[in-house]
Amino acid sequence: MDKFEEVLEKMSEMSEKQLKTLIEMEKKRICICRDCSSFNQCMGENKDALFCILGKTNCKSEIVNCMCSECPAYAKFQMKHNSYCVDGSEEEQRTKIV
């Protein structure tokens, strides 16, 4: 089990309130989504962020210049994918059947 899988397991044991608090804290603490050139006005209005954990946006978007691999969460949680805002969370991308 890698670091990302360990984090998912711990998150699954949290109450909904604890999970929501953690997500909001991580959005403010380590998330760089809002600084990415692919982040758009719609995402901002929807308060979207932390796509690597929460999944892709419902906003129309395209990758302008992906910064995912530069994010502290990427290294901290040993993530392997990119383009989370359009391709889905790390978990979704790991489980996609190619």
PDB file of N, CA and C in Angstrom:
ATOM      1  N   MET A   1       0.849  -1.171   0.000  1.00  0.00           N
ATOM      2  CA  MET A   1       0.000   0.000   0.000  1.00  0.00           C
ATOM      3  C   MET A   1       0.900   1.242   0.000  1.00  0.00           C
ATOM      4  N   ASP A   2       0.684   2.159  -0.955  1.00  0.00           N
ATOM      5  CA  ASP A   2       1.487   3.371  -0.990  1.00  0.00           C
ATOM      6  C   ASP A   2       0.840   4.466  -0.144  1.00  0.00           C
ATOM      7  N   LYS A   3       1.498   5.601  -0.053  1.00  0.00           N
ATOM      8  CA  LYS A   3       1.053   6.709   0.806  1.00  0.00           C
ATOM      9  C   LYS A   3      -0.353   7.165   0.435  1.00  0.00           C
ATOM     10  N   PHE A   4      -0.649   7.280  -0.859  1.00  0.00           N
ATOM     11  CA  PHE A   4      -1.972   7.720  -1.293  1.00  0.00           C
ATOM     12  C   PHE A   4      -3.048   6.753  -0.812  1.00  0.00           C
ATOM     13  N   GLU A   5      -2.812   5.475  -0.944  1.00  0.00           N
ATOM     14  CA  GLU A   5      -3.787   4.480  -0.495  1.00  0.00           C
ATOM     15  C   GLU A   5      -3.973   4.534   1.020  1.00  0.00           C
ATOM     16  N   GLU A   6      -2.890   4.792   1.756  1.00  0.00           N
ATOM     17  CA  GLU A   6      -2.982   4.936   3.214  1.00  0.00           C
ATOM     18  C   GLU A   6      -3.857   6.128   3.584  1.00  0.00           C
ATOM     19  N   VAL A   7      -3.676   7.230   2.879  1.00  0.00           N
ATOM     20  CA  VAL A   7      -4.462   8.437   3.136  1.00  0.00           C
ATOM     21  C   VAL A   7      -5.939   8.174   2.849  1.00  0.00           C
ATOM     22  N   LEU A   8      -6.236   7.522   1.735  1.00  0.00           N
ATOM     23  CA  LEU A   8      -7.626   7.200   1.408  1.00  0.00           C
ATOM     24  C   LEU A   8      -8.261   6.324   2.489  1.00  0.00           C
ATOM     25  N   GLU A   9      -7.500   5.379   2.990  1.00  0.00           N
ATOM     26  CA  GLU A   9      -8.016   4.503   4.035  1.00  0.00           C
ATOM     27  C   GLU A   9      -8.341   5.301   5.297  1.00  0.00           C
ATOM     28  N   LYS A  10      -7.448   6.192   5.691  1.00  0.00           N
ATOM     29  CA  LYS A  10      -7.685   7.029   6.876  1.00  0.00           C
ATOM     30  C   LYS A  10      -8.895   7.931   6.668  1.00  0.00           C
ATOM     31  N   MET A  11      -9.012   8.489   5.463  1.00  0.00           N
ATOM     32  CA  MET A  11     -10.150   9.360   5.162  1.00  0.00           C
ATOM     33  C   MET A  11     -11.461   8.593   5.227  1.00  0.00           C
ATOM     34  N   SER A  12     -11.467   7.348   4.822  1.00  0.00           N
ATOM     35  CA  SER A  12     -12.694   6.545   4.826  1.00  0.00           C
ATOM     36  C   SER A  12     -13.183   6.261   6.245  1.00  0.00           C
ATOM     37  N   GLU A  13     -12.296   6.391   7.223  1.00  0.00           N
ATOM     38  CA  GLU A  13     -12.653   6.150   8.615  1.00  0.00           C
ATOM     39  C   GLU A  13     -13.176   7.405   9.315  1.00  0.00           C
ATOM     40  N   MET A  14     -13.104   8.547   8.649  1.00  0.00           N
ATOM     41  CA  MET A  14     -13.530   9.817   9.246  1.00  0.00           C
ATOM     42  C   MET A  14     -15.031  10.016   9.110  1.00  0.00           C
ATOM     43  N   SER A  15     -15.573  10.801  10.033  1.00  0.00           N
ATOM     44  CA  SER A  15     -16.974  11.203   9.906  1.00  0.00           C
ATOM     45  C   SER A  15     -17.061  12.203   8.760  1.00  0.00           C
ATOM     46  N   GLU A  16     -18.266  12.436   8.276  1.00  0.00           N
ATOM     47  CA  GLU A  16     -18.465  13.375   7.171  1.00  0.00           C
ATOM     48  C   GLU A  16     -17.985  14.776   7.571  1.00  0.00           C
ATOM     49  N   LYS A  17     -18.250  15.162   8.809  1.00  0.00           N
ATOM     50  CA  LYS A  17     -17.840  16.483   9.295  1.00  0.00           C
ATOM     51  C   LYS A  17     -16.311  16.591   9.356  1.00  0.00           C
ATOM     52  N   GLN A  18     -15.654  15.560   9.868  1.00  0.00           N
ATOM     53  CA  GLN A  18     -14.188  15.550   9.934  1.00  0.00           C
ATOM     54  C   GLN A  18     -13.589  15.626   8.536  1.00  0.00           C
ATOM     55  N   LEU A  19     -14.146  14.877   7.614  1.00  0.00           N
ATOM     56  CA  LEU A  19     -13.652  14.844   6.240  1.00  0.00           C
ATOM     57  C   LEU A  19     -13.804  16.212   5.578  1.00  0.00           C
ATOM     58  N   LYS A  20     -14.952  16.828   5.756  1.00  0.00           N
ATOM     59  CA  LYS A  20     -15.203  18.147   5.178  1.00  0.00           C
ATOM     60  C   LYS A  20     -14.216  19.174   5.745  1.00  0.00           C
ATOM     61  N   THR A  21     -13.980  19.122   7.046  1.00  0.00           N
ATOM     62  CA  THR A  21     -13.034  20.028   7.691  1.00  0.00           C
ATOM     63  C   THR A  21     -11.636  19.812   7.141  1.00  0.00           C
ATOM     64  N   LEU A  22     -11.210  18.563   7.014  1.00  0.00           N
ATOM     65  CA  LEU A  22      -9.896  18.235   6.472  1.00  0.00           C
ATOM     66  C   LEU A  22      -9.742  18.753   5.052  1.00  0.00           C
ATOM     67  N   ILE A  23     -10.733  18.530   4.227  1.00  0.00           N
ATOM     68  CA  ILE A  23     -10.677  18.961   2.826  1.00  0.00           C
ATOM     69  C   ILE A  23     -10.551  20.471   2.733  1.00  0.00           C
ATOM     70  N   GLU A  24     -11.350  21.208   3.512  1.00  0.00           N
ATOM     71  CA  GLU A  24     -11.269  22.663   3.486  1.00  0.00           C
ATOM     72  C   GLU A  24      -9.904  23.148   3.970  1.00  0.00           C
ATOM     73  N   MET A  25      -9.358  22.491   4.980  1.00  0.00           N
ATOM     74  CA  MET A  25      -8.044  22.850   5.497  1.00  0.00           C
ATOM     75  C   MET A  25      -6.962  22.599   4.436  1.00  0.00           C
ATOM     76  N   GLU A  26      -7.014  21.456   3.772  1.00  0.00           N
ATOM     77  CA  GLU A  26      -6.024  21.121   2.752  1.00  0.00           C
ATOM     78  C   GLU A  26      -6.146  22.041   1.533  1.00  0.00           C
ATOM     79  N   LYS A  27      -7.362  22.456   1.198  1.00  0.00           N
ATOM     80  CA  LYS A  27      -7.539  23.401   0.095  1.00  0.00           C
ATOM     81  C   LYS A  27      -6.765  24.680   0.379  1.00  0.00           C
ATOM     82  N   LYS A  28      -6.794  25.129   1.635  1.00  0.00           N
ATOM     83  CA  LYS A  28      -6.116  26.372   2.014  1.00  0.00           C
ATOM     84  C   LYS A  28      -4.631  26.160   2.254  1.00  0.00           C
ATOM     85  N   ARG A  29      -4.264  25.007   2.772  1.00  0.00           N
ATOM     86  CA  ARG A  29      -2.888  24.781   3.219  1.00  0.00           C
ATOM     87  C   ARG A  29      -1.938  24.385   2.093  1.00  0.00           C
ATOM     88  N   ILE A  30      -2.296  23.419   1.274  1.00  0.00           N
ATOM     89  CA  ILE A  30      -1.333  22.921   0.280  1.00  0.00           C
ATOM     90  C   ILE A  30      -1.800  22.982  -1.170  1.00  0.00           C
ATOM     91  N   CYS A  31      -3.080  23.205  -1.385  1.00  0.00           N
ATOM     92  CA  CYS A  31      -3.618  23.156  -2.746  1.00  0.00           C
ATOM     93  C   CYS A  31      -3.148  24.346  -3.585  1.00  0.00           C
ATOM     94  N   ILE A  32      -2.667  24.071  -4.802  1.00  0.00           N
ATOM     95  CA  ILE A  32      -2.225  25.134  -5.713  1.00  0.00           C
ATOM     96  C   ILE A  32      -3.144  25.253  -6.933  1.00  0.00           C
ATOM     97  N   CYS A  33      -4.272  24.572  -6.912  1.00  0.00           N
ATOM     98  CA  CYS A  33      -5.172  24.574  -8.072  1.00  0.00           C
ATOM     99  C   CYS A  33      -5.539  25.988  -8.526  1.00  0.00           C
ATOM    100  N   ARG A  34      -5.812  26.873  -7.584  1.00  0.00           N
ATOM    101  CA  ARG A  34      -6.248  28.228  -7.942  1.00  0.00           C
ATOM    102  C   ARG A  34      -5.154  29.029  -8.646  1.00  0.00           C
ATOM    103  N   ASP A  35      -3.901  28.626  -8.503  1.00  0.00           N
ATOM    104  CA  ASP A  35      -2.793  29.318  -9.158  1.00  0.00           C
ATOM    105  C   ASP A  35      -2.483  28.751 -10.544  1.00  0.00           C
ATOM    106  N   CYS A  36      -3.129  27.673 -10.912  1.00  0.00           N
ATOM    107  CA  CYS A  36      -2.867  26.999 -12.178  1.00  0.00           C
ATOM    108  C   CYS A  36      -3.503  27.777 -13.329  1.00  0.00           C
ATOM    109  N   SER A  37      -2.811  27.849 -14.453  1.00  0.00           N
ATOM    110  CA  SER A  37      -3.352  28.560 -15.610  1.00  0.00           C
ATOM    111  C   SER A  37      -4.556  27.839 -16.219  1.00  0.00           C
ATOM    112  N   SER A  38      -4.789  26.593 -15.848  1.00  0.00           N
ATOM    113  CA  SER A  38      -5.969  25.862 -16.321  1.00  0.00           C
ATOM    114  C   SER A  38      -7.207  26.164 -15.474  1.00  0.00           C
ATOM    115  N   PHE A  39      -7.009  26.753 -14.294  1.00  0.00           N
ATOM    116  CA  PHE A  39      -8.109  27.106 -13.393  1.00  0.00           C
ATOM    117  C   PHE A  39      -8.856  28.294 -13.994  1.00  0.00           C
ATOM    118  N   ASN A  40     -10.177  28.183 -14.096  1.00  0.00           N
ATOM    119  CA  ASN A  40     -10.924  29.249 -14.752  1.00  0.00           C
ATOM    120  C   ASN A  40     -11.956  29.898 -13.818  1.00  0.00           C
ATOM    121  N   GLN A  41     -12.638  30.893 -14.332  1.00  0.00           N
ATOM    122  CA  GLN A  41     -13.607  31.668 -13.548  1.00  0.00           C
ATOM    123  C   GLN A  41     -14.720  30.781 -12.992  1.00  0.00           C
ATOM    124  N   CYS A  42     -15.216  29.868 -13.785  1.00  0.00           N
ATOM    125  CA  CYS A  42     -16.270  28.959 -13.339  1.00  0.00           C
ATOM    126  C   CYS A  42     -15.810  28.145 -12.136  1.00  0.00           C
ATOM    127  N   MET A  43     -14.599  27.632 -12.186  1.00  0.00           N
ATOM    128  CA  MET A  43     -14.065  26.859 -11.066  1.00  0.00           C
ATOM    129  C   MET A  43     -13.969  27.722  -9.815  1.00  0.00           C
ATOM    130  N   GLY A  44     -13.554  28.975 -10.003  1.00  0.00           N
ATOM    131  CA  GLY A  44     -13.463  29.901  -8.882  1.00  0.00           C
ATOM    132  C   GLY A  44     -14.823  30.181  -8.267  1.00  0.00           C
ATOM    133  N   GLU A  45     -15.815  30.410  -9.111  1.00  0.00           N
ATOM    134  CA  GLU A  45     -17.172  30.672  -8.627  1.00  0.00           C
ATOM    135  C   GLU A  45     -17.735  29.468  -7.882  1.00  0.00           C
ATOM    136  N   ASN A  46     -17.352  28.262  -8.296  1.00  0.00           N
ATOM    137  CA  ASN A  46     -17.834  27.035  -7.650  1.00  0.00           C
ATOM    138  C   ASN A  46     -16.980  26.630  -6.448  1.00  0.00           C
ATOM    139  N   LYS A  47     -15.927  27.415  -6.188  1.00  0.00           N
ATOM    140  CA  LYS A  47     -14.982  27.105  -5.101  1.00  0.00           C
ATOM    141  C   LYS A  47     -14.363  25.723  -5.270  1.00  0.00           C
ATOM    142  N   ASP A  48     -14.113  25.363  -6.531  1.00  0.00           N
ATOM    143  CA  ASP A  48     -13.455  24.093  -6.856  1.00  0.00           C
ATOM    144  C   ASP A  48     -11.985  24.161  -6.488  1.00  0.00           C
ATOM    145  N   ALA A  49     -11.436  23.060  -6.087  1.00  0.00           N
ATOM    146  CA  ALA A  49      -9.998  22.914  -5.817  1.00  0.00           C
ATOM    147  C   ALA A  49      -9.765  21.489  -5.353  1.00  0.00           C
ATOM    148  N   LEU A  50      -8.541  21.150  -5.104  1.00  0.00           N
ATOM    149  CA  LEU A  50      -8.141  19.832  -4.619  1.00  0.00           C
ATOM    150  C   LEU A  50      -8.704  18.722  -5.526  1.00  0.00           C
ATOM    151  N   PHE A  51      -8.597  18.952  -6.822  1.00  0.00           N
ATOM    152  CA  PHE A  51      -9.131  18.015  -7.816  1.00  0.00           C
ATOM    153  C   PHE A  51      -8.505  16.628  -7.693  1.00  0.00           C
ATOM    154  N   CYS A  52      -7.257  16.566  -7.241  1.00  0.00           N
ATOM    155  CA  CYS A  52      -6.561  15.277  -7.119  1.00  0.00           C
ATOM    156  C   CYS A  52      -7.255  14.349  -6.120  1.00  0.00           C
ATOM    157  N   ILE A  53      -7.973  14.927  -5.163  1.00  0.00           N
ATOM    158  CA  ILE A  53      -8.709  14.140  -4.178  1.00  0.00           C
ATOM    159  C   ILE A  53     -10.199  14.135  -4.478  1.00  0.00           C
ATOM    160  N   LEU A  54     -10.743  15.293  -4.871  1.00  0.00           N
ATOM    161  CA  LEU A  54     -12.189  15.444  -5.026  1.00  0.00           C
ATOM    162  C   LEU A  54     -12.708  15.085  -6.408  1.00  0.00           C
ATOM    163  N   GLY A  55     -11.836  15.050  -7.393  1.00  0.00           N
ATOM    164  CA  GLY A  55     -12.266  14.692  -8.744  1.00  0.00           C
ATOM    165  C   GLY A  55     -12.408  15.896  -9.647  1.00  0.00           C
ATOM    166  N   LYS A  56     -12.768  15.631 -10.891  1.00  0.00           N
ATOM    167  CA  LYS A  56     -12.787  16.678 -11.907  1.00  0.00           C
ATOM    168  C   LYS A  56     -13.905  17.684 -11.663  1.00  0.00           C
ATOM    169  N   THR A  57     -13.741  18.816 -12.284  1.00  0.00           N
ATOM    170  CA  THR A  57     -14.697  19.898 -12.179  1.00  0.00           C
ATOM    171  C   THR A  57     -15.912  19.644 -13.063  1.00  0.00           C
ATOM    172  N   ASN A  58     -17.009  20.283 -12.730  1.00  0.00           N
ATOM    173  CA  ASN A  58     -18.195  20.240 -13.578  1.00  0.00           C
ATOM    174  C   ASN A  58     -18.179  21.390 -14.580  1.00  0.00           C
ATOM    175  N   CYS A  59     -17.192  22.263 -14.450  1.00  0.00           N
ATOM    176  CA  CYS A  59     -17.046  23.398 -15.356  1.00  0.00           C
ATOM    177  C   CYS A  59     -16.405  22.948 -16.660  1.00  0.00           C
ATOM    178  N   LYS A  60     -16.719  23.651 -17.734  1.00  0.00           N
ATOM    179  CA  LYS A  60     -16.027  23.412 -18.994  1.00  0.00           C
ATOM    180  C   LYS A  60     -14.592  23.854 -18.794  1.00  0.00           C
ATOM    181  N   SER A  61     -13.664  22.991 -19.106  1.00  0.00           N
ATOM    182  CA  SER A  61     -12.269  23.367 -18.918  1.00  0.00           C
ATOM    183  C   SER A  61     -11.372  22.605 -19.877  1.00  0.00           C
ATOM    184  N   GLU A  62     -10.197  23.150 -20.066  1.00  0.00           N
ATOM    185  CA  GLU A  62      -9.176  22.489 -20.852  1.00  0.00           C
ATOM    186  C   GLU A  62      -7.840  22.755 -20.179  1.00  0.00           C
ATOM    187  N   ILE A  63      -6.915  21.861 -20.388  1.00  0.00           N
ATOM    188  CA  ILE A  63      -5.602  22.006 -19.788  1.00  0.00           C
ATOM    189  C   ILE A  63      -4.811  23.050 -20.576  1.00  0.00           C
ATOM    190  N   VAL A  64      -4.449  24.123 -19.894  1.00  0.00           N
ATOM    191  CA  VAL A  64      -3.637  25.169 -20.498  1.00  0.00           C
ATOM    192  C   VAL A  64      -2.170  24.869 -20.204  1.00  0.00           C
ATOM    193  N   ASN A  65      -1.878  24.639 -18.942  1.00  0.00           N
ATOM    194  CA  ASN A  65      -0.530  24.289 -18.499  1.00  0.00           C
ATOM    195  C   ASN A  65      -0.684  23.607 -17.146  1.00  0.00           C
ATOM    196  N   CYS A  66      -0.574  22.315 -17.092  1.00  0.00           N
ATOM    197  CA  CYS A  66      -0.815  21.549 -15.871  1.00  0.00           C
ATOM    198  C   CYS A  66       0.308  21.738 -14.862  1.00  0.00           C
ATOM    199  N   MET A  67      -0.078  22.052 -13.623  1.00  0.00           N
ATOM    200  CA  MET A  67       0.877  22.240 -12.528  1.00  0.00           C
ATOM    201  C   MET A  67       0.769  21.129 -11.480  1.00  0.00           C
ATOM    202  N   CYS A  68      -0.029  20.124 -11.731  1.00  0.00           N
ATOM    203  CA  CYS A  68      -0.308  19.111 -10.707  1.00  0.00           C
ATOM    204  C   CYS A  68       0.959  18.531 -10.070  1.00  0.00           C
ATOM    205  N   SER A  69       1.932  18.212 -10.873  1.00  0.00           N
ATOM    206  CA  SER A  69       3.141  17.586 -10.334  1.00  0.00           C
ATOM    207  C   SER A  69       3.977  18.540  -9.481  1.00  0.00           C
ATOM    208  N   GLU A  70       3.675  19.837  -9.518  1.00  0.00           N
ATOM    209  CA  GLU A  70       4.370  20.825  -8.702  1.00  0.00           C
ATOM    210  C   GLU A  70       3.702  21.026  -7.345  1.00  0.00           C
ATOM    211  N   CYS A  71       2.536  20.463  -7.157  1.00  0.00           N
ATOM    212  CA  CYS A  71       1.754  20.650  -5.940  1.00  0.00           C
ATOM    213  C   CYS A  71       2.365  19.868  -4.774  1.00  0.00           C
ATOM    214  N   PRO A  72       2.406  20.461  -3.584  1.00  0.00           N
ATOM    215  CA  PRO A  72       2.912  19.731  -2.418  1.00  0.00           C
ATOM    216  C   PRO A  72       2.140  18.434  -2.147  1.00  0.00           C
ATOM    217  N   ALA A  73       0.847  18.414  -2.448  1.00  0.00           N
ATOM    218  CA  ALA A  73       0.046  17.203  -2.238  1.00  0.00           C
ATOM    219  C   ALA A  73       0.533  16.070  -3.128  1.00  0.00           C
ATOM    220  N   TYR A  74       0.967  16.405  -4.329  1.00  0.00           N
ATOM    221  CA  TYR A  74       1.425  15.409  -5.300  1.00  0.00           C
ATOM    222  C   TYR A  74       2.574  14.586  -4.722  1.00  0.00           C
ATOM    223  N   ALA A  75       3.558  15.271  -4.172  1.00  0.00           N
ATOM    224  CA  ALA A  75       4.709  14.580  -3.581  1.00  0.00           C
ATOM    225  C   ALA A  75       4.348  13.948  -2.240  1.00  0.00           C
ATOM    226  N   LYS A  76       3.628  14.699  -1.425  1.00  0.00           N
ATOM    227  CA  LYS A  76       3.281  14.229  -0.078  1.00  0.00           C
ATOM    228  C   LYS A  76       2.512  12.913  -0.118  1.00  0.00           C
ATOM    229  N   PHE A  77       1.593  12.802  -1.062  1.00  0.00           N
ATOM    230  CA  PHE A  77       0.739  11.613  -1.146  1.00  0.00           C
ATOM    231  C   PHE A  77       1.172  10.636  -2.233  1.00  0.00           C
ATOM    232  N   GLN A  78       2.342  10.843  -2.809  1.00  0.00           N
ATOM    233  CA  GLN A  78       2.919   9.964  -3.821  1.00  0.00           C
ATOM    234  C   GLN A  78       1.948   9.699  -4.980  1.00  0.00           C
ATOM    235  N   MET A  79       1.436  10.770  -5.539  1.00  0.00           N
ATOM    236  CA  MET A  79       0.505  10.651  -6.659  1.00  0.00           C
ATOM    237  C   MET A  79       1.258  10.367  -7.947  1.00  0.00           C
ATOM    238  N   LYS A  80       0.547   9.836  -8.923  1.00  0.00           N
ATOM    239  CA  LYS A  80       1.177   9.376 -10.160  1.00  0.00           C
ATOM    240  C   LYS A  80       0.602  10.012 -11.420  1.00  0.00           C
ATOM    241  N   HIS A  81      -0.511  10.689 -11.320  1.00  0.00           N
ATOM    242  CA  HIS A  81      -1.212  11.200 -12.502  1.00  0.00           C
ATOM    243  C   HIS A  81      -1.187  12.719 -12.554  1.00  0.00           C
ATOM    244  N   ASN A  82      -1.853  13.293 -13.542  1.00  0.00           N
ATOM    245  CA  ASN A  82      -1.944  14.734 -13.744  1.00  0.00           C
ATOM    246  C   ASN A  82      -3.320  15.079 -14.284  1.00  0.00           C
ATOM    247  N   SER A  83      -3.516  16.340 -14.545  1.00  0.00           N
ATOM    248  CA  SER A  83      -4.740  16.844 -15.181  1.00  0.00           C
ATOM    249  C   SER A  83      -5.994  16.440 -14.408  1.00  0.00           C
ATOM    250  N   TYR A  84      -5.929  16.537 -13.091  1.00  0.00           N
ATOM    251  CA  TYR A  84      -7.034  16.094 -12.249  1.00  0.00           C
ATOM    252  C   TYR A  84      -8.325  16.868 -12.496  1.00  0.00           C
ATOM    253  N   CYS A  85      -8.210  18.143 -12.873  1.00  0.00           N
ATOM    254  CA  CYS A  85      -9.414  18.948 -13.063  1.00  0.00           C
ATOM    255  C   CYS A  85     -10.255  18.452 -14.237  1.00  0.00           C
ATOM    256  N   VAL A  86      -9.636  17.799 -15.212  1.00  0.00           N
ATOM    257  CA  VAL A  86     -10.399  17.274 -16.351  1.00  0.00           C
ATOM    258  C   VAL A  86     -10.429  15.745 -16.426  1.00  0.00           C
ATOM    259  N   ASP A  87      -9.421  15.070 -15.836  1.00  0.00           N
ATOM    260  CA  ASP A  87      -9.343  13.612 -15.926  1.00  0.00           C
ATOM    261  C   ASP A  87      -9.848  12.882 -14.685  1.00  0.00           C
ATOM    262  N   GLY A  88     -10.080  13.613 -13.586  1.00  0.00           N
ATOM    263  CA  GLY A  88     -10.579  12.989 -12.368  1.00  0.00           C
ATOM    264  C   GLY A  88      -9.497  12.838 -11.314  1.00  0.00           C
ATOM    265  N   SER A  89      -9.916  12.426 -10.142  1.00  0.00           N
ATOM    266  CA  SER A  89      -9.018  12.309  -8.994  1.00  0.00           C
ATOM    267  C   SER A  89      -7.947  11.244  -9.227  1.00  0.00           C
ATOM    268  N   GLU A  90      -6.970  11.243  -8.350  1.00  0.00           N
ATOM    269  CA  GLU A  90      -5.923  10.212  -8.404  1.00  0.00           C
ATOM    270  C   GLU A  90      -6.554   8.830  -8.331  1.00  0.00           C
ATOM    271  N   GLU A  91      -7.485   8.657  -7.420  1.00  0.00           N
ATOM    272  CA  GLU A  91      -8.144   7.364  -7.258  1.00  0.00           C
ATOM    273  C   GLU A  91      -8.893   6.962  -8.531  1.00  0.00           C
ATOM    274  N   GLU A  92      -9.631   7.888  -9.113  1.00  0.00           N
ATOM    275  CA  GLU A  92     -10.369   7.606 -10.353  1.00  0.00           C
ATOM    276  C   GLU A  92      -9.413   7.220 -11.485  1.00  0.00           C
ATOM    277  N   GLN A  93      -8.320   7.958 -11.601  1.00  0.00           N
ATOM    278  CA  GLN A  93      -7.389   7.653 -12.678  1.00  0.00           C
ATOM    279  C   GLN A  93      -6.668   6.326 -12.469  1.00  0.00           C
ATOM    280  N   ARG A  94      -6.398   5.990 -11.209  1.00  0.00           N
ATOM    281  CA  ARG A  94      -5.754   4.697 -10.933  1.00  0.00           C
ATOM    282  C   ARG A  94      -6.657   3.519 -11.248  1.00  0.00           C
ATOM    283  N   THR A  95      -7.940   3.720 -11.141  1.00  0.00           N
ATOM    284  CA  THR A  95      -8.869   2.596 -11.325  1.00  0.00           C
ATOM    285  C   THR A  95      -9.497   2.558 -12.716  1.00  0.00           C
ATOM    286  N   LYS A  96      -9.143   3.512 -13.584  1.00  0.00           N
ATOM    287  CA  LYS A  96      -9.689   3.515 -14.948  1.00  0.00           C
ATOM    288  C   LYS A  96      -9.210   2.291 -15.692  1.00  0.00           C
ATOM    289  N   ILE A  97     -10.105   1.695 -16.410  1.00  0.00           N
ATOM    290  CA  ILE A  97      -9.744   0.564 -17.260  1.00  0.00           C
ATOM    291  C   ILE A  97      -9.351   1.139 -18.616  1.00  0.00           C
ATOM    292  N   VAL A  98      -8.156   0.830 -19.023  1.00  0.00           N
ATOM    293  CA  VAL A  98      -7.629   1.386 -20.293  1.00  0.00           C
ATOM    294  C   VAL A  98      -7.960   0.477 -21.437  1.00  0.00           C
TER     295      VAL A  98
END
